[in-house]
């Protein structure tokens, strides 16, 4: 297979998925106008369909690139261990997005986006193929921009986070750690045929 084709499929998926998820960053007024015209339910339906299409292209393109990978650099083995620790933080942050009144959410405002940043950076440390750089680098740049814009929007709107509770933070840490262990020691191998700690 021509190695250019998988890369183009991956790039198309990234442009579709990340571009769609950047509408509120660069065209919030247009987004609001479309929601007003189409209705929120229809907008969400079309948004979800387009998101799944872009995600499907990403998965397909990335899987194709693994048949004939092009390596840009070869990370030393210790970067895998560092990536594993960073992924624990990423799981805490992602779980924090769904647990109300935890300290991560109170401090960061958008822990899910922060978790994506950590996830992408960790994978760039441990993987050096062209596809890895495109995939994780693309998500890293997107998350950095989105986090900054979201924080600026919150400050402009005078958003005040609710008072955090220690119990909710403990729940976040416990659930995140369990999810990290399950994913790192079992599910990652099942889904991606890669053992992070193997």
N, C-alpha and C. Protein backbone atom coordinates (compact mmCIF):
# COMPACT_ATOMS: atom_id res chain seq x y z
N UNK A 1 0.85 -1.21 0.00
CA UNK A 1 0.00 0.00 0.00
C UNK A 1 0.87 1.25 0.00
N UNK A 2 0.46 2.20 -0.79
CA UNK A 2 1.16 3.49 -0.82
C UNK A 2 1.10 4.12 0.57
N UNK A 3 2.26 4.38 1.23
CA UNK A 3 2.23 4.93 2.59
C UNK A 3 1.60 6.32 2.67
N UNK A 4 1.45 6.99 1.54
CA UNK A 4 0.84 8.32 1.55
C UNK A 4 -0.65 8.25 1.84
N UNK A 5 -1.32 7.20 1.33
CA UNK A 5 -2.77 7.09 1.49
C UNK A 5 -3.20 7.01 2.96
N UNK A 6 -2.60 6.13 3.79
CA UNK A 6 -3.00 6.11 5.21
C UNK A 6 -2.80 7.45 5.90
N UNK A 7 -1.71 8.14 5.57
CA UNK A 7 -1.44 9.44 6.17
C UNK A 7 -2.51 10.45 5.78
N UNK A 8 -2.92 10.42 4.52
CA UNK A 8 -3.96 11.34 4.05
C UNK A 8 -5.31 11.05 4.72
N UNK A 9 -5.60 9.76 4.91
CA UNK A 9 -6.85 9.39 5.59
C UNK A 9 -6.82 9.88 7.03
N UNK A 10 -5.69 9.68 7.70
CA UNK A 10 -5.54 10.14 9.08
C UNK A 10 -5.67 11.66 9.16
N UNK A 11 -5.02 12.37 8.25
CA UNK A 11 -5.11 13.83 8.25
C UNK A 11 -6.54 14.31 8.00
N UNK A 12 -7.23 13.63 7.08
CA UNK A 12 -8.62 14.00 6.80
C UNK A 12 -9.49 13.82 8.04
N UNK A 13 -9.25 12.72 8.76
CA UNK A 13 -10.01 12.48 9.98
C UNK A 13 -9.71 13.52 11.05
N UNK A 14 -8.44 13.87 11.20
CA UNK A 14 -8.07 14.88 12.19
C UNK A 14 -8.67 16.25 11.85
N UNK A 15 -8.61 16.61 10.57
CA UNK A 15 -9.18 17.89 10.16
C UNK A 15 -10.68 17.92 10.40
N UNK A 16 -11.36 16.80 10.10
CA UNK A 16 -12.81 16.75 10.30
C UNK A 16 -13.16 16.79 11.78
N UNK A 17 -12.50 15.95 12.57
CA UNK A 17 -12.86 15.82 13.98
C UNK A 17 -12.44 17.05 14.78
N UNK A 18 -11.18 17.43 14.67
CA UNK A 18 -10.70 18.57 15.44
C UNK A 18 -11.25 19.89 14.90
N UNK A 19 -11.44 19.96 13.59
CA UNK A 19 -12.04 21.16 13.03
C UNK A 19 -13.45 21.37 13.56
N UNK A 20 -14.22 20.29 13.58
CA UNK A 20 -15.58 20.37 14.11
C UNK A 20 -15.59 20.78 15.58
N UNK A 21 -14.63 20.22 16.34
CA UNK A 21 -14.57 20.54 17.77
C UNK A 21 -13.87 21.87 18.04
N UNK A 22 -13.51 22.58 16.98
CA UNK A 22 -12.93 23.91 17.14
C UNK A 22 -13.88 25.03 16.73
N UNK A 23 -15.09 24.65 16.33
CA UNK A 23 -16.05 25.65 15.86
C UNK A 23 -16.30 26.71 16.93
N UNK A 24 -16.45 26.27 18.18
CA UNK A 24 -16.74 27.24 19.24
C UNK A 24 -15.54 28.14 19.52
N UNK A 25 -14.35 27.69 19.17
CA UNK A 25 -13.15 28.51 19.38
C UNK A 25 -13.11 29.64 18.35
N UNK A 26 -13.33 29.28 17.09
CA UNK A 26 -13.09 30.23 16.00
C UNK A 26 -14.36 30.80 15.37
N UNK A 27 -15.50 30.17 15.62
CA UNK A 27 -16.74 30.65 14.99
C UNK A 27 -17.93 30.45 15.92
N UNK A 28 -17.80 30.99 17.12
CA UNK A 28 -18.87 30.80 18.11
C UNK A 28 -20.17 31.47 17.67
N UNK A 29 -20.06 32.62 17.01
CA UNK A 29 -21.25 33.31 16.54
C UNK A 29 -21.98 32.50 15.47
N UNK A 30 -21.22 31.93 14.53
CA UNK A 30 -21.81 31.08 13.49
C UNK A 30 -22.48 29.87 14.10
N UNK A 31 -21.82 29.27 15.10
CA UNK A 31 -22.38 28.11 15.79
C UNK A 31 -23.72 28.46 16.44
N UNK A 32 -23.75 29.58 17.14
CA UNK A 32 -25.00 30.00 17.80
C UNK A 32 -26.10 30.25 16.79
N UNK A 33 -25.75 30.83 15.65
CA UNK A 33 -26.75 31.09 14.61
C UNK A 33 -27.30 29.80 14.03
N UNK A 34 -26.43 28.81 13.83
CA UNK A 34 -26.87 27.52 13.30
C UNK A 34 -27.77 26.79 14.29
N UNK A 35 -27.43 26.86 15.57
CA UNK A 35 -28.28 26.22 16.59
C UNK A 35 -29.65 26.88 16.60
N UNK A 36 -29.67 28.21 16.46
CA UNK A 36 -30.95 28.92 16.44
C UNK A 36 -31.77 28.54 15.21
N UNK A 37 -31.11 28.32 14.08
CA UNK A 37 -31.81 27.98 12.84
C UNK A 37 -32.28 26.52 12.83
N UNK A 38 -31.37 25.61 13.21
CA UNK A 38 -31.68 24.18 13.12
C UNK A 38 -32.41 23.65 14.33
N UNK A 39 -32.22 24.30 15.47
CA UNK A 39 -32.73 23.75 16.73
C UNK A 39 -31.62 22.95 17.39
N UNK A 40 -31.61 22.96 18.71
CA UNK A 40 -30.50 22.32 19.43
C UNK A 40 -30.45 20.81 19.19
N UNK A 41 -31.61 20.15 19.13
CA UNK A 41 -31.62 18.69 18.95
C UNK A 41 -31.04 18.30 17.59
N UNK A 42 -31.49 19.00 16.54
CA UNK A 42 -30.98 18.69 15.21
C UNK A 42 -29.51 19.02 15.09
N UNK A 43 -29.08 20.15 15.67
CA UNK A 43 -27.66 20.52 15.65
C UNK A 43 -26.82 19.42 16.31
N UNK A 44 -27.26 18.96 17.49
CA UNK A 44 -26.51 17.93 18.20
C UNK A 44 -26.46 16.63 17.40
N UNK A 45 -27.54 16.31 16.72
CA UNK A 45 -27.55 15.10 15.90
C UNK A 45 -26.56 15.18 14.76
N UNK A 46 -26.58 16.29 14.03
CA UNK A 46 -25.64 16.47 12.92
C UNK A 46 -24.20 16.54 13.42
N UNK A 47 -24.00 17.21 14.55
CA UNK A 47 -22.68 17.34 15.15
C UNK A 47 -22.13 15.96 15.52
N UNK A 48 -22.99 15.13 16.10
CA UNK A 48 -22.57 13.78 16.51
C UNK A 48 -22.22 12.93 15.30
N UNK A 49 -23.05 12.99 14.26
CA UNK A 49 -22.78 12.21 13.05
C UNK A 49 -21.44 12.62 12.42
N UNK A 50 -21.22 13.92 12.31
CA UNK A 50 -19.97 14.40 11.73
C UNK A 50 -18.77 14.02 12.60
N UNK A 51 -18.97 14.05 13.92
CA UNK A 51 -17.89 13.67 14.83
C UNK A 51 -17.52 12.21 14.68
N UNK A 52 -18.54 11.34 14.60
CA UNK A 52 -18.28 9.91 14.42
C UNK A 52 -17.62 9.63 13.08
N UNK A 53 -17.99 10.39 12.05
CA UNK A 53 -17.35 10.23 10.75
C UNK A 53 -15.86 10.57 10.83
N UNK A 54 -15.56 11.72 11.45
CA UNK A 54 -14.16 12.11 11.60
C UNK A 54 -13.38 11.14 12.45
N UNK A 55 -13.99 10.68 13.55
CA UNK A 55 -13.32 9.71 14.42
C UNK A 55 -13.08 8.40 13.69
N UNK A 56 -14.05 7.99 12.87
CA UNK A 56 -13.87 6.77 12.09
C UNK A 56 -12.70 6.87 11.13
N UNK A 57 -12.56 8.02 10.48
CA UNK A 57 -11.42 8.23 9.58
C UNK A 57 -10.10 8.20 10.35
N UNK A 58 -10.08 8.79 11.56
CA UNK A 58 -8.87 8.77 12.37
C UNK A 58 -8.47 7.35 12.70
N UNK A 59 -9.43 6.55 13.18
CA UNK A 59 -9.15 5.16 13.56
C UNK A 59 -8.70 4.36 12.35
N UNK A 60 -9.39 4.52 11.23
CA UNK A 60 -9.04 3.78 10.02
C UNK A 60 -7.65 4.20 9.52
N UNK A 61 -7.43 5.49 9.41
CA UNK A 61 -6.14 5.96 8.93
C UNK A 61 -4.99 5.54 9.83
N UNK A 62 -5.19 5.65 11.15
CA UNK A 62 -4.12 5.29 12.08
C UNK A 62 -3.82 3.80 12.00
N UNK A 63 -4.86 2.98 11.86
CA UNK A 63 -4.63 1.53 11.76
C UNK A 63 -3.90 1.18 10.47
N UNK A 64 -4.20 1.91 9.39
CA UNK A 64 -3.50 1.67 8.13
C UNK A 64 -2.02 2.03 8.22
N UNK A 65 -1.72 3.11 8.93
CA UNK A 65 -0.31 3.54 9.03
C UNK A 65 0.54 2.51 9.77
N UNK A 66 -0.08 1.72 10.64
CA UNK A 66 0.68 0.74 11.42
C UNK A 66 1.17 -0.42 10.57
N UNK A 67 0.62 -0.56 9.35
CA UNK A 67 1.06 -1.63 8.45
C UNK A 67 2.43 -1.32 7.85
N UNK A 68 2.73 -0.04 7.70
CA UNK A 68 4.04 0.38 7.17
C UNK A 68 4.43 1.70 7.83
N UNK A 69 4.80 1.65 9.13
CA UNK A 69 5.07 2.89 9.86
C UNK A 69 6.32 3.61 9.36
N UNK A 70 6.24 4.93 9.42
CA UNK A 70 7.39 5.79 9.10
C UNK A 70 7.83 6.44 10.40
N UNK A 71 9.06 6.15 10.83
CA UNK A 71 9.52 6.64 12.13
C UNK A 71 10.33 7.93 11.96
N UNK A 72 9.96 8.90 12.79
CA UNK A 72 10.69 10.16 12.82
C UNK A 72 11.74 10.17 13.91
N UNK A 73 11.49 9.45 15.01
CA UNK A 73 12.45 9.32 16.09
C UNK A 73 12.12 8.05 16.89
N UNK A 74 13.09 7.59 17.65
CA UNK A 74 12.94 6.36 18.43
C UNK A 74 13.15 6.70 19.91
N UNK A 75 12.07 6.89 20.66
CA UNK A 75 12.20 7.29 22.07
C UNK A 75 12.90 6.22 22.90
N UNK A 76 13.72 6.62 23.86
CA UNK A 76 14.33 5.64 24.77
C UNK A 76 13.27 4.96 25.63
N UNK A 77 13.61 3.80 26.17
CA UNK A 77 12.63 2.99 26.88
C UNK A 77 12.06 3.69 28.11
N UNK A 78 12.84 4.57 28.75
CA UNK A 78 12.36 5.20 29.97
C UNK A 78 11.18 6.13 29.71
N UNK A 79 11.01 6.58 28.45
CA UNK A 79 9.88 7.45 28.17
C UNK A 79 8.55 6.71 28.31
N UNK A 80 8.57 5.38 28.15
CA UNK A 80 7.33 4.61 28.35
C UNK A 80 6.90 4.66 29.81
N UNK A 81 7.87 4.59 30.72
CA UNK A 81 7.54 4.63 32.14
C UNK A 81 7.01 6.02 32.53
N UNK A 82 7.64 7.06 31.99
CA UNK A 82 7.17 8.41 32.25
C UNK A 82 5.77 8.61 31.68
N UNK A 83 5.54 8.09 30.47
CA UNK A 83 4.22 8.20 29.85
C UNK A 83 3.17 7.49 30.70
N UNK A 84 3.54 6.35 31.28
CA UNK A 84 2.60 5.63 32.15
C UNK A 84 2.19 6.45 33.35
N UNK A 85 3.15 7.14 33.96
CA UNK A 85 2.83 8.00 35.11
C UNK A 85 1.98 9.20 34.68
N UNK A 86 2.31 9.78 33.54
CA UNK A 86 1.52 10.91 33.04
C UNK A 86 0.09 10.48 32.72
N UNK A 87 -0.06 9.25 32.26
CA UNK A 87 -1.41 8.77 31.96
C UNK A 87 -2.25 8.61 33.22
N UNK A 88 -1.62 8.34 34.35
CA UNK A 88 -2.37 8.30 35.61
C UNK A 88 -2.97 9.68 35.88
N UNK A 89 -2.18 10.73 35.69
CA UNK A 89 -2.68 12.09 35.85
C UNK A 89 -3.79 12.38 34.85
N UNK A 90 -3.60 11.92 33.61
CA UNK A 90 -4.62 12.14 32.59
C UNK A 90 -5.95 11.50 32.98
N UNK A 91 -5.90 10.29 33.53
CA UNK A 91 -7.13 9.63 33.96
C UNK A 91 -7.79 10.37 35.11
N UNK A 92 -6.99 10.87 36.05
CA UNK A 92 -7.57 11.67 37.15
C UNK A 92 -8.31 12.88 36.58
N UNK A 93 -7.68 13.55 35.63
CA UNK A 93 -8.28 14.76 35.07
C UNK A 93 -9.56 14.45 34.28
N UNK A 94 -9.53 13.38 33.52
CA UNK A 94 -10.71 13.02 32.73
C UNK A 94 -11.87 12.63 33.64
N UNK A 95 -11.59 11.86 34.67
CA UNK A 95 -12.64 11.49 35.63
C UNK A 95 -13.15 12.73 36.34
N UNK A 96 -12.26 13.67 36.63
CA UNK A 96 -12.65 14.90 37.34
C UNK A 96 -13.70 15.69 36.59
N UNK A 97 -13.75 15.53 35.26
CA UNK A 97 -14.75 16.25 34.48
C UNK A 97 -16.17 15.78 34.80
N UNK A 98 -16.29 14.57 35.37
CA UNK A 98 -17.62 13.98 35.61
C UNK A 98 -17.98 13.92 37.09
N UNK A 99 -17.05 14.21 37.97
CA UNK A 99 -17.32 14.20 39.41
C UNK A 99 -17.46 15.65 39.88
N UNK A 100 -18.63 16.04 40.36
CA UNK A 100 -18.81 17.44 40.78
C UNK A 100 -18.02 17.78 42.03
N UNK A 101 -17.65 19.04 42.14
CA UNK A 101 -17.03 19.61 43.34
C UNK A 101 -15.71 18.93 43.75
N UNK A 102 -14.90 18.55 42.77
CA UNK A 102 -13.56 18.05 43.11
C UNK A 102 -12.54 19.17 42.91
N UNK A 103 -11.37 19.00 43.49
CA UNK A 103 -10.36 20.07 43.47
C UNK A 103 -9.79 20.31 42.07
N UNK A 104 -9.70 19.27 41.25
CA UNK A 104 -9.19 19.44 39.89
C UNK A 104 -10.09 20.38 39.09
N UNK A 105 -11.41 20.12 39.17
CA UNK A 105 -12.35 20.95 38.43
C UNK A 105 -12.37 22.38 38.97
N UNK A 106 -12.29 22.51 40.29
CA UNK A 106 -12.30 23.85 40.88
C UNK A 106 -11.07 24.65 40.46
N UNK A 107 -9.94 23.99 40.34
CA UNK A 107 -8.70 24.68 40.00
C UNK A 107 -8.56 24.96 38.51
N UNK A 108 -8.92 23.97 37.68
CA UNK A 108 -8.67 24.06 36.25
C UNK A 108 -9.87 24.52 35.45
N UNK A 109 -11.06 24.26 35.94
CA UNK A 109 -12.26 24.64 35.20
C UNK A 109 -12.64 23.67 34.10
N UNK A 110 -11.65 23.18 33.38
CA UNK A 110 -11.88 22.28 32.26
C UNK A 110 -10.91 21.09 32.33
N UNK A 111 -11.11 20.22 33.32
CA UNK A 111 -10.16 19.11 33.52
C UNK A 111 -10.13 18.12 32.36
N UNK A 112 -11.25 17.96 31.63
CA UNK A 112 -11.24 17.05 30.49
C UNK A 112 -10.25 17.50 29.44
N UNK A 113 -10.27 18.78 29.11
CA UNK A 113 -9.35 19.31 28.10
C UNK A 113 -7.91 19.21 28.60
N UNK A 114 -7.70 19.48 29.89
CA UNK A 114 -6.36 19.33 30.47
C UNK A 114 -5.91 17.88 30.40
N UNK A 115 -6.85 16.95 30.61
CA UNK A 115 -6.52 15.53 30.51
C UNK A 115 -6.12 15.13 29.11
N UNK A 116 -6.78 15.71 28.11
CA UNK A 116 -6.40 15.43 26.71
C UNK A 116 -4.99 15.94 26.43
N UNK A 117 -4.66 17.10 26.98
CA UNK A 117 -3.29 17.62 26.82
C UNK A 117 -2.26 16.65 27.37
N UNK A 118 -2.51 16.16 28.58
CA UNK A 118 -1.56 15.24 29.22
C UNK A 118 -1.49 13.93 28.44
N UNK A 119 -2.66 13.41 28.03
CA UNK A 119 -2.72 12.17 27.25
C UNK A 119 -1.90 12.29 25.96
N UNK A 120 -2.09 13.39 25.24
CA UNK A 120 -1.38 13.57 23.97
C UNK A 120 0.12 13.73 24.19
N UNK A 121 0.51 14.52 25.18
CA UNK A 121 1.93 14.73 25.46
C UNK A 121 2.60 13.42 25.87
N UNK A 122 1.93 12.63 26.71
CA UNK A 122 2.49 11.36 27.15
C UNK A 122 2.75 10.43 25.97
N UNK A 123 1.81 10.39 25.03
CA UNK A 123 1.98 9.50 23.89
C UNK A 123 3.03 10.01 22.91
N UNK A 124 3.22 11.31 22.82
CA UNK A 124 4.30 11.84 21.99
C UNK A 124 5.66 11.48 22.57
N UNK A 125 5.74 11.44 23.90
CA UNK A 125 7.00 11.06 24.54
C UNK A 125 7.41 9.63 24.20
N UNK A 126 6.42 8.74 24.14
CA UNK A 126 6.71 7.31 24.04
C UNK A 126 6.61 6.76 22.62
N UNK A 127 6.16 7.55 21.67
CA UNK A 127 5.96 7.06 20.30
C UNK A 127 6.55 8.04 19.31
N UNK A 128 7.21 7.51 18.27
CA UNK A 128 7.93 8.40 17.37
C UNK A 128 7.61 8.25 15.90
N UNK A 129 6.50 7.59 15.55
CA UNK A 129 6.18 7.46 14.13
C UNK A 129 5.50 8.73 13.62
N UNK A 130 5.47 8.87 12.31
CA UNK A 130 4.82 10.03 11.70
C UNK A 130 3.34 10.08 12.09
N UNK A 131 2.69 8.92 12.09
CA UNK A 131 1.27 8.87 12.46
C UNK A 131 1.06 9.31 13.90
N UNK A 132 1.96 8.89 14.80
CA UNK A 132 1.86 9.29 16.20
C UNK A 132 2.00 10.80 16.34
N UNK A 133 2.94 11.37 15.64
CA UNK A 133 3.17 12.81 15.72
C UNK A 133 1.95 13.57 15.20
N UNK A 134 1.39 13.10 14.09
CA UNK A 134 0.21 13.76 13.53
C UNK A 134 -0.99 13.63 14.48
N UNK A 135 -1.22 12.41 14.98
CA UNK A 135 -2.39 12.17 15.82
C UNK A 135 -2.28 12.88 17.16
N UNK A 136 -1.24 12.55 17.92
CA UNK A 136 -1.12 13.10 19.26
C UNK A 136 -0.69 14.57 19.24
N UNK A 137 0.13 14.94 18.26
CA UNK A 137 0.50 16.34 18.14
C UNK A 137 -0.70 17.20 17.78
N UNK A 138 -1.55 16.70 16.90
CA UNK A 138 -2.76 17.43 16.54
C UNK A 138 -3.68 17.64 17.73
N UNK A 139 -3.88 16.57 18.52
CA UNK A 139 -4.73 16.70 19.70
C UNK A 139 -4.09 17.60 20.75
N UNK A 140 -2.77 17.57 20.87
CA UNK A 140 -2.10 18.41 21.85
C UNK A 140 -2.28 19.89 21.52
N UNK A 141 -2.05 20.26 20.27
CA UNK A 141 -2.21 21.66 19.86
C UNK A 141 -3.66 22.10 20.05
N UNK A 142 -4.60 21.25 19.63
CA UNK A 142 -6.02 21.58 19.79
C UNK A 142 -6.39 21.80 21.25
N UNK A 143 -5.92 20.89 22.14
CA UNK A 143 -6.27 20.99 23.55
C UNK A 143 -5.64 22.22 24.20
N UNK A 144 -4.43 22.57 23.82
CA UNK A 144 -3.78 23.77 24.37
C UNK A 144 -4.59 25.01 24.01
N UNK A 145 -4.98 25.11 22.74
CA UNK A 145 -5.76 26.28 22.30
C UNK A 145 -7.12 26.30 22.97
N UNK A 146 -7.81 25.17 22.99
CA UNK A 146 -9.15 25.11 23.58
C UNK A 146 -9.12 25.45 25.07
N UNK A 147 -8.12 24.94 25.78
CA UNK A 147 -8.03 25.21 27.21
C UNK A 147 -7.84 26.70 27.47
N UNK A 148 -6.95 27.33 26.70
CA UNK A 148 -6.71 28.76 26.88
C UNK A 148 -7.96 29.58 26.56
N UNK A 149 -8.63 29.25 25.46
CA UNK A 149 -9.83 29.99 25.07
C UNK A 149 -10.95 29.78 26.09
N UNK A 150 -11.11 28.56 26.57
CA UNK A 150 -12.17 28.26 27.53
C UNK A 150 -11.94 28.98 28.85
N UNK A 151 -10.69 29.02 29.30
CA UNK A 151 -10.38 29.73 30.55
C UNK A 151 -10.63 31.23 30.38
N UNK A 152 -10.26 31.76 29.23
CA UNK A 152 -10.48 33.19 28.98
C UNK A 152 -11.98 33.49 28.92
N UNK A 153 -12.74 32.61 28.32
CA UNK A 153 -14.20 32.80 28.24
C UNK A 153 -14.82 32.77 29.64
N UNK A 154 -14.33 31.86 30.48
CA UNK A 154 -14.85 31.77 31.85
C UNK A 154 -14.57 33.04 32.64
N UNK A 155 -13.34 33.57 32.49
CA UNK A 155 -13.00 34.81 33.20
C UNK A 155 -13.86 35.97 32.72
N UNK A 156 -14.08 36.04 31.42
CA UNK A 156 -14.90 37.12 30.87
C UNK A 156 -16.34 37.03 31.35
N UNK A 157 -16.83 35.80 31.55
CA UNK A 157 -18.21 35.61 31.99
C UNK A 157 -18.35 35.64 33.50
N UNK A 158 -17.21 35.76 34.21
CA UNK A 158 -17.25 35.79 35.66
C UNK A 158 -17.64 34.46 36.29
N UNK A 159 -17.29 33.36 35.63
CA UNK A 159 -17.63 32.03 36.14
C UNK A 159 -16.83 31.75 37.41
N UNK A 160 -17.53 31.35 38.46
CA UNK A 160 -16.89 31.00 39.72
C UNK A 160 -17.09 29.50 39.99
N UNK A 161 -16.01 28.77 40.18
CA UNK A 161 -16.17 27.33 40.42
C UNK A 161 -16.80 27.08 41.79
N UNK A 162 -17.57 25.99 41.92
CA UNK A 162 -18.14 25.66 43.23
C UNK A 162 -17.04 25.25 44.21
N UNK A 163 -17.32 25.38 45.47
CA UNK A 163 -16.33 25.03 46.49
C UNK A 163 -16.04 23.53 46.43
N UNK A 164 -14.76 23.15 46.30
CA UNK A 164 -14.44 21.71 46.20
C UNK A 164 -14.61 20.99 47.54
N UNK A 165 -14.85 19.70 47.45
CA UNK A 165 -14.99 18.86 48.62
C UNK A 165 -13.96 17.74 48.58
N UNK A 166 -13.33 17.49 49.72
CA UNK A 166 -12.27 16.48 49.78
C UNK A 166 -12.78 15.10 49.38
N UNK A 167 -13.99 14.76 49.82
CA UNK A 167 -14.54 13.44 49.51
C UNK A 167 -14.68 13.24 48.00
N UNK A 168 -15.12 14.29 47.31
CA UNK A 168 -15.29 14.20 45.85
C UNK A 168 -13.93 14.07 45.16
N UNK A 169 -12.92 14.71 45.70
CA UNK A 169 -11.58 14.58 45.12
C UNK A 169 -11.03 13.17 45.33
N UNK A 170 -11.28 12.60 46.51
CA UNK A 170 -10.84 11.23 46.78
C UNK A 170 -11.53 10.26 45.82
N UNK A 171 -12.82 10.46 45.59
CA UNK A 171 -13.54 9.61 44.63
C UNK A 171 -12.91 9.73 43.25
N UNK A 172 -12.59 10.95 42.86
CA UNK A 172 -11.95 11.17 41.56
C UNK A 172 -10.63 10.41 41.45
N UNK A 173 -9.82 10.49 42.49
CA UNK A 173 -8.52 9.81 42.48
C UNK A 173 -8.67 8.30 42.44
N UNK A 174 -9.60 7.77 43.22
CA UNK A 174 -9.79 6.31 43.28
C UNK A 174 -10.31 5.78 41.95
N UNK A 175 -11.37 6.40 41.43
CA UNK A 175 -11.94 5.95 40.17
C UNK A 175 -10.93 6.10 39.03
N UNK A 176 -10.22 7.23 39.01
CA UNK A 176 -9.22 7.44 37.97
C UNK A 176 -8.09 6.43 38.02
N UNK A 177 -7.65 6.09 39.24
CA UNK A 177 -6.57 5.11 39.39
C UNK A 177 -7.01 3.73 38.94
N UNK A 178 -8.22 3.33 39.31
CA UNK A 178 -8.74 2.02 38.89
C UNK A 178 -8.87 1.96 37.37
N UNK A 179 -9.42 3.03 36.78
CA UNK A 179 -9.57 3.07 35.32
C UNK A 179 -8.21 3.02 34.63
N UNK A 180 -7.23 3.75 35.17
CA UNK A 180 -5.86 3.73 34.63
C UNK A 180 -5.27 2.33 34.67
N UNK A 181 -5.45 1.62 35.79
CA UNK A 181 -4.90 0.28 35.94
C UNK A 181 -5.56 -0.70 34.97
N UNK A 182 -6.87 -0.64 34.88
CA UNK A 182 -7.60 -1.54 33.97
C UNK A 182 -7.17 -1.29 32.53
N UNK A 183 -7.09 -0.03 32.17
CA UNK A 183 -6.74 0.32 30.79
C UNK A 183 -5.28 -0.01 30.50
N UNK A 184 -4.39 0.33 31.43
CA UNK A 184 -2.97 0.14 31.18
C UNK A 184 -2.53 -1.32 31.19
N UNK A 185 -3.11 -2.11 32.07
CA UNK A 185 -2.67 -3.49 32.21
C UNK A 185 -3.49 -4.49 31.42
N UNK A 186 -4.64 -4.05 30.84
CA UNK A 186 -5.47 -5.00 30.11
C UNK A 186 -6.10 -4.40 28.85
N UNK A 187 -6.91 -3.36 29.00
CA UNK A 187 -7.75 -2.89 27.90
C UNK A 187 -6.94 -2.30 26.74
N UNK A 188 -5.83 -1.63 27.04
CA UNK A 188 -5.02 -1.05 25.97
C UNK A 188 -4.53 -2.14 25.02
N UNK A 189 -4.14 -3.29 25.57
CA UNK A 189 -3.69 -4.42 24.76
C UNK A 189 -4.84 -4.96 23.91
N UNK A 190 -6.01 -5.07 24.51
CA UNK A 190 -7.17 -5.60 23.79
C UNK A 190 -7.56 -4.69 22.63
N UNK A 191 -7.58 -3.38 22.86
CA UNK A 191 -8.04 -2.44 21.85
C UNK A 191 -6.99 -2.10 20.80
N UNK A 192 -5.73 -1.95 21.23
CA UNK A 192 -4.70 -1.42 20.33
C UNK A 192 -3.52 -2.36 20.11
N UNK A 193 -3.58 -3.55 20.71
CA UNK A 193 -2.50 -4.54 20.57
C UNK A 193 -1.14 -3.99 21.04
N UNK A 194 -1.18 -3.12 22.01
CA UNK A 194 0.04 -2.55 22.60
C UNK A 194 -0.07 -2.67 24.10
N UNK A 195 0.98 -3.21 24.74
CA UNK A 195 1.01 -3.34 26.20
C UNK A 195 1.90 -2.23 26.77
N UNK A 196 1.29 -1.21 27.38
CA UNK A 196 2.10 -0.09 27.90
C UNK A 196 3.11 -0.51 28.94
N UNK A 197 2.77 -1.51 29.73
CA UNK A 197 3.66 -1.95 30.81
C UNK A 197 4.23 -3.33 30.54
N UNK A 198 4.16 -3.77 29.31
CA UNK A 198 4.65 -5.13 28.99
C UNK A 198 6.09 -5.12 28.51
